[in-house]
Amino acid sequence: MIMQQKDIGSALEQLTPQMCAVIELTYYSGYLYSEIAEILGCTVGTVKTRMMTARKRLREMLSDDALIFPENVVA
């Protein structure tokens, strides 16, 4: 299945603002988790939890296309 940009955008809109920020800062801006934690004023653990939850929700919304957000992103 080919994922359309609008499908991904629609799925991102359904996330909490905090989860969306973590996704955007990681995948679109290229920040490390430690940098994101500093930007958002939270701990690295909180960033990791938000990322894990966001990936899970996105996978559910976007069906079986789990390759879009792989689990092994180096932080």
PDB file of N, CA and C in Angstrom:
ATOM      1  N   MET A   1       0.843  -1.183   0.000  1.00  0.00           N
ATOM      2  CA  MET A   1       0.000   0.000   0.000  1.00  0.00           C
ATOM      3  C   MET A   1       0.886   1.243   0.000  1.00  0.00           C
ATOM      4  N   ILE A   2       0.591   2.172  -0.856  1.00  0.00           N
ATOM      5  CA  ILE A   2       1.342   3.427  -0.916  1.00  0.00           C
ATOM      6  C   ILE A   2       0.645   4.434  -0.018  1.00  0.00           C
ATOM      7  N   MET A   3       1.410   4.960   0.925  1.00  0.00           N
ATOM      8  CA  MET A   3       0.856   5.908   1.885  1.00  0.00           C
ATOM      9  C   MET A   3       0.892   7.301   1.280  1.00  0.00           C
ATOM     10  N   GLN A   4      -0.230   7.953   1.272  1.00  0.00           N
ATOM     11  CA  GLN A   4      -0.324   9.312   0.768  1.00  0.00           C
ATOM     12  C   GLN A   4       0.074  10.292   1.865  1.00  0.00           C
ATOM     13  N   GLN A   5       0.679  11.399   1.473  1.00  0.00           N
ATOM     14  CA  GLN A   5       1.079  12.414   2.441  1.00  0.00           C
ATOM     15  C   GLN A   5      -0.127  12.929   3.225  1.00  0.00           C
ATOM     16  N   LYS A   6      -1.276  13.044   2.556  1.00  0.00           N
ATOM     17  CA  LYS A   6      -2.473  13.526   3.249  1.00  0.00           C
ATOM     18  C   LYS A   6      -2.938  12.539   4.310  1.00  0.00           C
ATOM     19  N   ASP A   7      -2.738  11.215   4.070  1.00  0.00           N
ATOM     20  CA  ASP A   7      -3.094  10.213   5.073  1.00  0.00           C
ATOM     21  C   ASP A   7      -2.237  10.379   6.323  1.00  0.00           C
ATOM     22  N   ILE A   8      -0.952  10.581   6.131  1.00  0.00           N
ATOM     23  CA  ILE A   8      -0.041  10.771   7.254  1.00  0.00           C
ATOM     24  C   ILE A   8      -0.383  12.064   7.980  1.00  0.00           C
ATOM     25  N   GLY A   9      -0.647  13.115   7.230  1.00  0.00           N
ATOM     26  CA  GLY A   9      -1.021  14.392   7.836  1.00  0.00           C
ATOM     27  C   GLY A   9      -2.290  14.279   8.656  1.00  0.00           C
ATOM     28  N   SER A  10      -3.274  13.570   8.133  1.00  0.00           N
ATOM     29  CA  SER A  10      -4.531  13.370   8.865  1.00  0.00           C
ATOM     30  C   SER A  10      -4.301  12.579  10.147  1.00  0.00           C
ATOM     31  N   ALA A  11      -3.446  11.574  10.069  1.00  0.00           N
ATOM     32  CA  ALA A  11      -3.139  10.774  11.256  1.00  0.00           C
ATOM     33  C   ALA A  11      -2.407  11.615  12.296  1.00  0.00           C
ATOM     34  N   LEU A  12      -1.462  12.437  11.861  1.00  0.00           N
ATOM     35  CA  LEU A  12      -0.728  13.296  12.796  1.00  0.00           C
ATOM     36  C   LEU A  12      -1.664  14.268  13.508  1.00  0.00           C
ATOM     37  N   GLU A  13      -2.672  14.748  12.813  1.00  0.00           N
ATOM     38  CA  GLU A  13      -3.634  15.684  13.412  1.00  0.00           C
ATOM     39  C   GLU A  13      -4.441  15.044  14.537  1.00  0.00           C
ATOM     40  N   GLN A  14      -4.513  13.722  14.545  1.00  0.00           N
ATOM     41  CA  GLN A  14      -5.277  13.022  15.577  1.00  0.00           C
ATOM     42  C   GLN A  14      -4.458  12.744  16.840  1.00  0.00           C
ATOM     43  N   LEU A  15      -3.158  13.011  16.790  1.00  0.00           N
ATOM     44  CA  LEU A  15      -2.304  12.835  17.965  1.00  0.00           C
ATOM     45  C   LEU A  15      -2.430  14.042  18.883  1.00  0.00           C
ATOM     46  N   THR A  16      -2.005  13.876  20.123  1.00  0.00           N
ATOM     47  CA  THR A  16      -1.972  15.027  21.025  1.00  0.00           C
ATOM     48  C   THR A  16      -0.909  16.000  20.516  1.00  0.00           C
ATOM     49  N   PRO A  17      -1.015  17.261  20.856  1.00  0.00           N
ATOM     50  CA  PRO A  17       0.014  18.227  20.431  1.00  0.00           C
ATOM     51  C   PRO A  17       1.419  17.834  20.898  1.00  0.00           C
ATOM     52  N   GLN A  18       1.520  17.240  22.085  1.00  0.00           N
ATOM     53  CA  GLN A  18       2.822  16.831  22.601  1.00  0.00           C
ATOM     54  C   GLN A  18       3.419  15.699  21.768  1.00  0.00           C
ATOM     55  N   MET A  19       2.603  14.726  21.408  1.00  0.00           N
ATOM     56  CA  MET A  19       3.093  13.617  20.587  1.00  0.00           C
ATOM     57  C   MET A  19       3.453  14.101  19.190  1.00  0.00           C
ATOM     58  N   CYS A  20       2.626  14.969  18.640  1.00  0.00           N
ATOM     59  CA  CYS A  20       2.893  15.513  17.312  1.00  0.00           C
ATOM     60  C   CYS A  20       4.213  16.287  17.306  1.00  0.00           C
ATOM     61  N   ALA A  21       4.465  17.049  18.357  1.00  0.00           N
ATOM     62  CA  ALA A  21       5.710  17.817  18.446  1.00  0.00           C
ATOM     63  C   ALA A  21       6.914  16.891  18.450  1.00  0.00           C
ATOM     64  N   VAL A  22       6.841  15.791  19.191  1.00  0.00           N
ATOM     65  CA  VAL A  22       7.958  14.845  19.244  1.00  0.00           C
ATOM     66  C   VAL A  22       8.193  14.221  17.871  1.00  0.00           C
ATOM     67  N   ILE A  23       7.128  13.822  17.190  1.00  0.00           N
ATOM     68  CA  ILE A  23       7.254  13.249  15.839  1.00  0.00           C
ATOM     69  C   ILE A  23       7.884  14.264  14.891  1.00  0.00           C
ATOM     70  N   GLU A  24       7.364  15.474  14.885  1.00  0.00           N
ATOM     71  CA  GLU A  24       7.867  16.504  13.971  1.00  0.00           C
ATOM     72  C   GLU A  24       9.325  16.852  14.254  1.00  0.00           C
ATOM     73  N   LEU A  25       9.674  17.011  15.519  1.00  0.00           N
ATOM     74  CA  LEU A  25      11.053  17.370  15.859  1.00  0.00           C
ATOM     75  C   LEU A  25      12.027  16.240  15.536  1.00  0.00           C
ATOM     76  N   THR A  26      11.572  14.997  15.658  1.00  0.00           N
ATOM     77  CA  THR A  26      12.440  13.859  15.358  1.00  0.00           C
ATOM     78  C   THR A  26      12.578  13.638  13.858  1.00  0.00           C
ATOM     79  N   TYR A  27      11.461  13.448  13.176  1.00  0.00           N
ATOM     80  CA  TYR A  27      11.495  13.026  11.777  1.00  0.00           C
ATOM     81  C   TYR A  27      11.650  14.165  10.782  1.00  0.00           C
ATOM     82  N   TYR A  28      11.075  15.313  11.068  1.00  0.00           N
ATOM     83  CA  TYR A  28      11.147  16.413  10.111  1.00  0.00           C
ATOM     84  C   TYR A  28      12.298  17.361  10.388  1.00  0.00           C
ATOM     85  N   SER A  29      12.661  17.521  11.663  1.00  0.00           N
ATOM     86  CA  SER A  29      13.734  18.459  12.007  1.00  0.00           C
ATOM     87  C   SER A  29      15.039  17.767  12.357  1.00  0.00           C
ATOM     88  N   GLY A  30      15.009  16.480  12.614  1.00  0.00           N
ATOM     89  CA  GLY A  30      16.223  15.716  12.843  1.00  0.00           C
ATOM     90  C   GLY A  30      16.861  15.872  14.215  1.00  0.00           C
ATOM     91  N   TYR A  31      16.102  16.307  15.201  1.00  0.00           N
ATOM     92  CA  TYR A  31      16.655  16.472  16.546  1.00  0.00           C
ATOM     93  C   TYR A  31      16.789  15.126  17.254  1.00  0.00           C
ATOM     94  N   LEU A  32      17.753  15.045  18.163  1.00  0.00           N
ATOM     95  CA  LEU A  32      17.912  13.892  19.035  1.00  0.00           C
ATOM     96  C   LEU A  32      16.931  14.006  20.192  1.00  0.00           C
ATOM     97  N   TYR A  33      16.656  12.885  20.842  1.00  0.00           N
ATOM     98  CA  TYR A  33      15.730  12.911  21.977  1.00  0.00           C
ATOM     99  C   TYR A  33      16.185  13.884  23.054  1.00  0.00           C
ATOM    100  N   SER A  34      17.478  13.932  23.320  1.00  0.00           N
ATOM    101  CA  SER A  34      17.987  14.850  24.350  1.00  0.00           C
ATOM    102  C   SER A  34      17.732  16.305  23.968  1.00  0.00           C
ATOM    103  N   GLU A  35      17.853  16.617  22.685  1.00  0.00           N
ATOM    104  CA  GLU A  35      17.584  17.977  22.216  1.00  0.00           C
ATOM    105  C   GLU A  35      16.092  18.299  22.300  1.00  0.00           C
ATOM    106  N   ILE A  36      15.269  17.325  21.958  1.00  0.00           N
ATOM    107  CA  ILE A  36      13.818  17.519  22.023  1.00  0.00           C
ATOM    108  C   ILE A  36      13.388  17.751  23.465  1.00  0.00           C
ATOM    109  N   ALA A  37      13.964  16.993  24.378  1.00  0.00           N
ATOM    110  CA  ALA A  37      13.638  17.164  25.797  1.00  0.00           C
ATOM    111  C   ALA A  37      13.951  18.584  26.254  1.00  0.00           C
ATOM    112  N   GLU A  38      15.079  19.099  25.813  1.00  0.00           N
ATOM    113  CA  GLU A  38      15.451  20.468  26.181  1.00  0.00           C
ATOM    114  C   GLU A  38      14.484  21.482  25.566  1.00  0.00           C
ATOM    115  N   ILE A  39      14.153  21.292  24.301  1.00  0.00           N
ATOM    116  CA  ILE A  39      13.244  22.205  23.600  1.00  0.00           C
ATOM    117  C   ILE A  39      11.866  22.221  24.263  1.00  0.00           C
ATOM    118  N   LEU A  40      11.370  21.039  24.616  1.00  0.00           N
ATOM    119  CA  LEU A  40      10.018  20.924  25.165  1.00  0.00           C
ATOM    120  C   LEU A  40       9.970  21.085  26.685  1.00  0.00           C
ATOM    121  N   GLY A  41      11.133  21.141  27.311  1.00  0.00           N
ATOM    122  CA  GLY A  41      11.168  21.312  28.761  1.00  0.00           C
ATOM    123  C   GLY A  41      10.688  20.093  29.525  1.00  0.00           C
ATOM    124  N   CYS A  42      11.065  18.908  29.042  1.00  0.00           N
ATOM    125  CA  CYS A  42      10.684  17.671  29.718  1.00  0.00           C
ATOM    126  C   CYS A  42      11.897  16.745  29.762  1.00  0.00           C
ATOM    127  N   THR A  43      11.722  15.561  30.307  1.00  0.00           N
ATOM    128  CA  THR A  43      12.833  14.617  30.391  1.00  0.00           C
ATOM    129  C   THR A  43      12.937  13.795  29.108  1.00  0.00           C
ATOM    130  N   VAL A  44      14.095  13.172  28.916  1.00  0.00           N
ATOM    131  CA  VAL A  44      14.286  12.279  27.772  1.00  0.00           C
ATOM    132  C   VAL A  44      13.313  11.106  27.874  1.00  0.00           C
ATOM    133  N   GLY A  45      13.077  10.626  29.081  1.00  0.00           N
ATOM    134  CA  GLY A  45      12.117   9.541  29.281  1.00  0.00           C
ATOM    135  C   GLY A  45      10.723   9.908  28.807  1.00  0.00           C
ATOM    136  N   THR A  46      10.324  11.140  29.063  1.00  0.00           N
ATOM    137  CA  THR A  46       9.015  11.615  28.602  1.00  0.00           C
ATOM    138  C   THR A  46       8.970  11.661  27.081  1.00  0.00           C
ATOM    139  N   VAL A  47      10.050  12.113  26.459  1.00  0.00           N
ATOM    140  CA  VAL A  47      10.123  12.145  24.991  1.00  0.00           C
ATOM    141  C   VAL A  47       9.989  10.728  24.440  1.00  0.00           C
ATOM    142  N   LYS A  48      10.706   9.777  25.022  1.00  0.00           N
ATOM    143  CA  LYS A  48      10.647   8.387  24.555  1.00  0.00           C
ATOM    144  C   LYS A  48       9.241   7.809  24.707  1.00  0.00           C
ATOM    145  N   THR A  49       8.597   8.101  25.824  1.00  0.00           N
ATOM    146  CA  THR A  49       7.233   7.611  26.047  1.00  0.00           C
ATOM    147  C   THR A  49       6.267   8.204  25.029  1.00  0.00           C
ATOM    148  N   ARG A  50       6.375   9.505  24.795  1.00  0.00           N
ATOM    149  CA  ARG A  50       5.505  10.147  23.801  1.00  0.00           C
ATOM    150  C   ARG A  50       5.745   9.574  22.411  1.00  0.00           C
ATOM    151  N   MET A  51       7.015   9.311  22.066  1.00  0.00           N
ATOM    152  CA  MET A  51       7.338   8.741  20.758  1.00  0.00           C
ATOM    153  C   MET A  51       6.763   7.336  20.638  1.00  0.00           C
ATOM    154  N   MET A  52       6.942   6.524  21.662  1.00  0.00           N
ATOM    155  CA  MET A  52       6.435   5.158  21.635  1.00  0.00           C
ATOM    156  C   MET A  52       4.911   5.152  21.465  1.00  0.00           C
ATOM    157  N   THR A  53       4.233   5.991  22.211  1.00  0.00           N
ATOM    158  CA  THR A  53       2.772   6.063  22.129  1.00  0.00           C
ATOM    159  C   THR A  53       2.322   6.598  20.771  1.00  0.00           C
ATOM    160  N   ALA A  54       3.009   7.615  20.273  1.00  0.00           N
ATOM    161  CA  ALA A  54       2.663   8.192  18.971  1.00  0.00           C
ATOM    162  C   ALA A  54       2.844   7.168  17.861  1.00  0.00           C
ATOM    163  N   ARG A  55       3.965   6.445  17.869  1.00  0.00           N
ATOM    164  CA  ARG A  55       4.196   5.416  16.848  1.00  0.00           C
ATOM    165  C   ARG A  55       3.113   4.357  16.888  1.00  0.00           C
ATOM    166  N   LYS A  56       2.748   3.925  18.089  1.00  0.00           N
ATOM    167  CA  LYS A  56       1.709   2.907  18.224  1.00  0.00           C
ATOM    168  C   LYS A  56       0.392   3.406  17.631  1.00  0.00           C
ATOM    169  N   ARG A  57       0.007   4.602  17.974  1.00  0.00           N
ATOM    170  CA  ARG A  57      -1.261   5.157  17.457  1.00  0.00           C
ATOM    171  C   ARG A  57      -1.211   5.346  15.945  1.00  0.00           C
ATOM    172  N   LEU A  58      -0.072   5.824  15.437  1.00  0.00           N
ATOM    173  CA  LEU A  58       0.053   6.009  13.987  1.00  0.00           C
ATOM    174  C   LEU A  58      -0.036   4.674  13.265  1.00  0.00           C
ATOM    175  N   ARG A  59       0.615   3.641  13.801  1.00  0.00           N
ATOM    176  CA  ARG A  59       0.532   2.320  13.185  1.00  0.00           C
ATOM    177  C   ARG A  59      -0.920   1.849  13.121  1.00  0.00           C
ATOM    178  N   GLU A  60      -1.632   2.053  14.213  1.00  0.00           N
ATOM    179  CA  GLU A  60      -3.041   1.642  14.241  1.00  0.00           C
ATOM    180  C   GLU A  60      -3.856   2.407  13.203  1.00  0.00           C
ATOM    181  N   MET A  61      -3.601   3.694  13.073  1.00  0.00           N
ATOM    182  CA  MET A  61      -4.366   4.522  12.131  1.00  0.00           C
ATOM    183  C   MET A  61      -3.979   4.262  10.681  1.00  0.00           C
ATOM    184  N   LEU A  62      -2.724   3.912  10.453  1.00  0.00           N
ATOM    185  CA  LEU A  62      -2.231   3.753   9.088  1.00  0.00           C
ATOM    186  C   LEU A  62      -2.137   2.288   8.678  1.00  0.00           C
ATOM    187  N   SER A  63      -2.780   1.405   9.393  1.00  0.00           N
ATOM    188  CA  SER A  63      -2.843  -0.031   9.135  1.00  0.00           C
ATOM    189  C   SER A  63      -1.501  -0.707   9.328  1.00  0.00           C
ATOM    190  N   ASP A  64      -1.114  -1.562   8.386  1.00  0.00           N
ATOM    191  CA  ASP A  64       0.077  -2.393   8.561  1.00  0.00           C
ATOM    192  C   ASP A  64       1.362  -1.752   8.060  1.00  0.00           C
ATOM    193  N   ASP A  65       1.342  -0.504   7.701  1.00  0.00           N
ATOM    194  CA  ASP A  65       2.531   0.127   7.137  1.00  0.00           C
ATOM    195  C   ASP A  65       3.459   0.635   8.252  1.00  0.00           C
ATOM    196  N   ALA A  66       3.999  -0.283   9.040  1.00  0.00           N
ATOM    197  CA  ALA A  66       4.858   0.067  10.176  1.00  0.00           C
ATOM    198  C   ALA A  66       6.251   0.509   9.740  1.00  0.00           C
ATOM    199  N   LEU A  67       6.589   0.366   8.485  1.00  0.00           N
ATOM    200  CA  LEU A  67       7.917   0.769   8.017  1.00  0.00           C
ATOM    201  C   LEU A  67       8.086   2.279   7.973  1.00  0.00           C
ATOM    202  N   ILE A  68       7.009   3.031   8.003  1.00  0.00           N
ATOM    203  CA  ILE A  68       7.097   4.484   7.953  1.00  0.00           C
ATOM    204  C   ILE A  68       7.791   5.030   9.190  1.00  0.00           C
ATOM    205  N   PHE A  69       7.501   4.443  10.354  1.00  0.00           N
ATOM    206  CA  PHE A  69       8.084   4.901  11.617  1.00  0.00           C
ATOM    207  C   PHE A  69       8.767   3.728  12.305  1.00  0.00           C
ATOM    208  N   PRO A  70       9.984   3.376  11.879  1.00  0.00           N
ATOM    209  CA  PRO A  70      10.668   2.222  12.461  1.00  0.00           C
ATOM    210  C   PRO A  70      10.983   2.436  13.934  1.00  0.00           C
ATOM    211  N   GLU A  71      11.076   1.338  14.667  1.00  0.00           N
ATOM    212  CA  GLU A  71      11.341   1.387  16.104  1.00  0.00           C
ATOM    213  C   GLU A  71      12.784   1.735  16.427  1.00  0.00           C
ATOM    214  N   ASN A  72      13.707   1.503  15.523  1.00  0.00           N
ATOM    215  CA  ASN A  72      15.122   1.608  15.856  1.00  0.00           C
ATOM    216  C   ASN A  72      15.755   2.940  15.480  1.00  0.00           C
ATOM    217  N   VAL A  73      15.091   4.027  15.743  1.00  0.00           N
ATOM    218  CA  VAL A  73      15.667   5.352  15.516  1.00  0.00           C
ATOM    219  C   VAL A  73      16.696   5.606  16.603  1.00  0.00           C
ATOM    220  N   VAL A  74      17.908   5.972  16.209  1.00  0.00           N
ATOM    221  CA  VAL A  74      18.971   6.236  17.174  1.00  0.00           C
ATOM    222  C   VAL A  74      18.766   7.615  17.776  1.00  0.00           C
ATOM    223  N   ALA A  75      18.799   7.673  19.079  1.00  0.00           N
ATOM    224  CA  ALA A  75      18.591   8.956  19.763  1.00  0.00           C
ATOM    225  C   ALA A  75      19.887   9.482  20.325  1.00  0.00           C
TER     226      ALA A  75
END
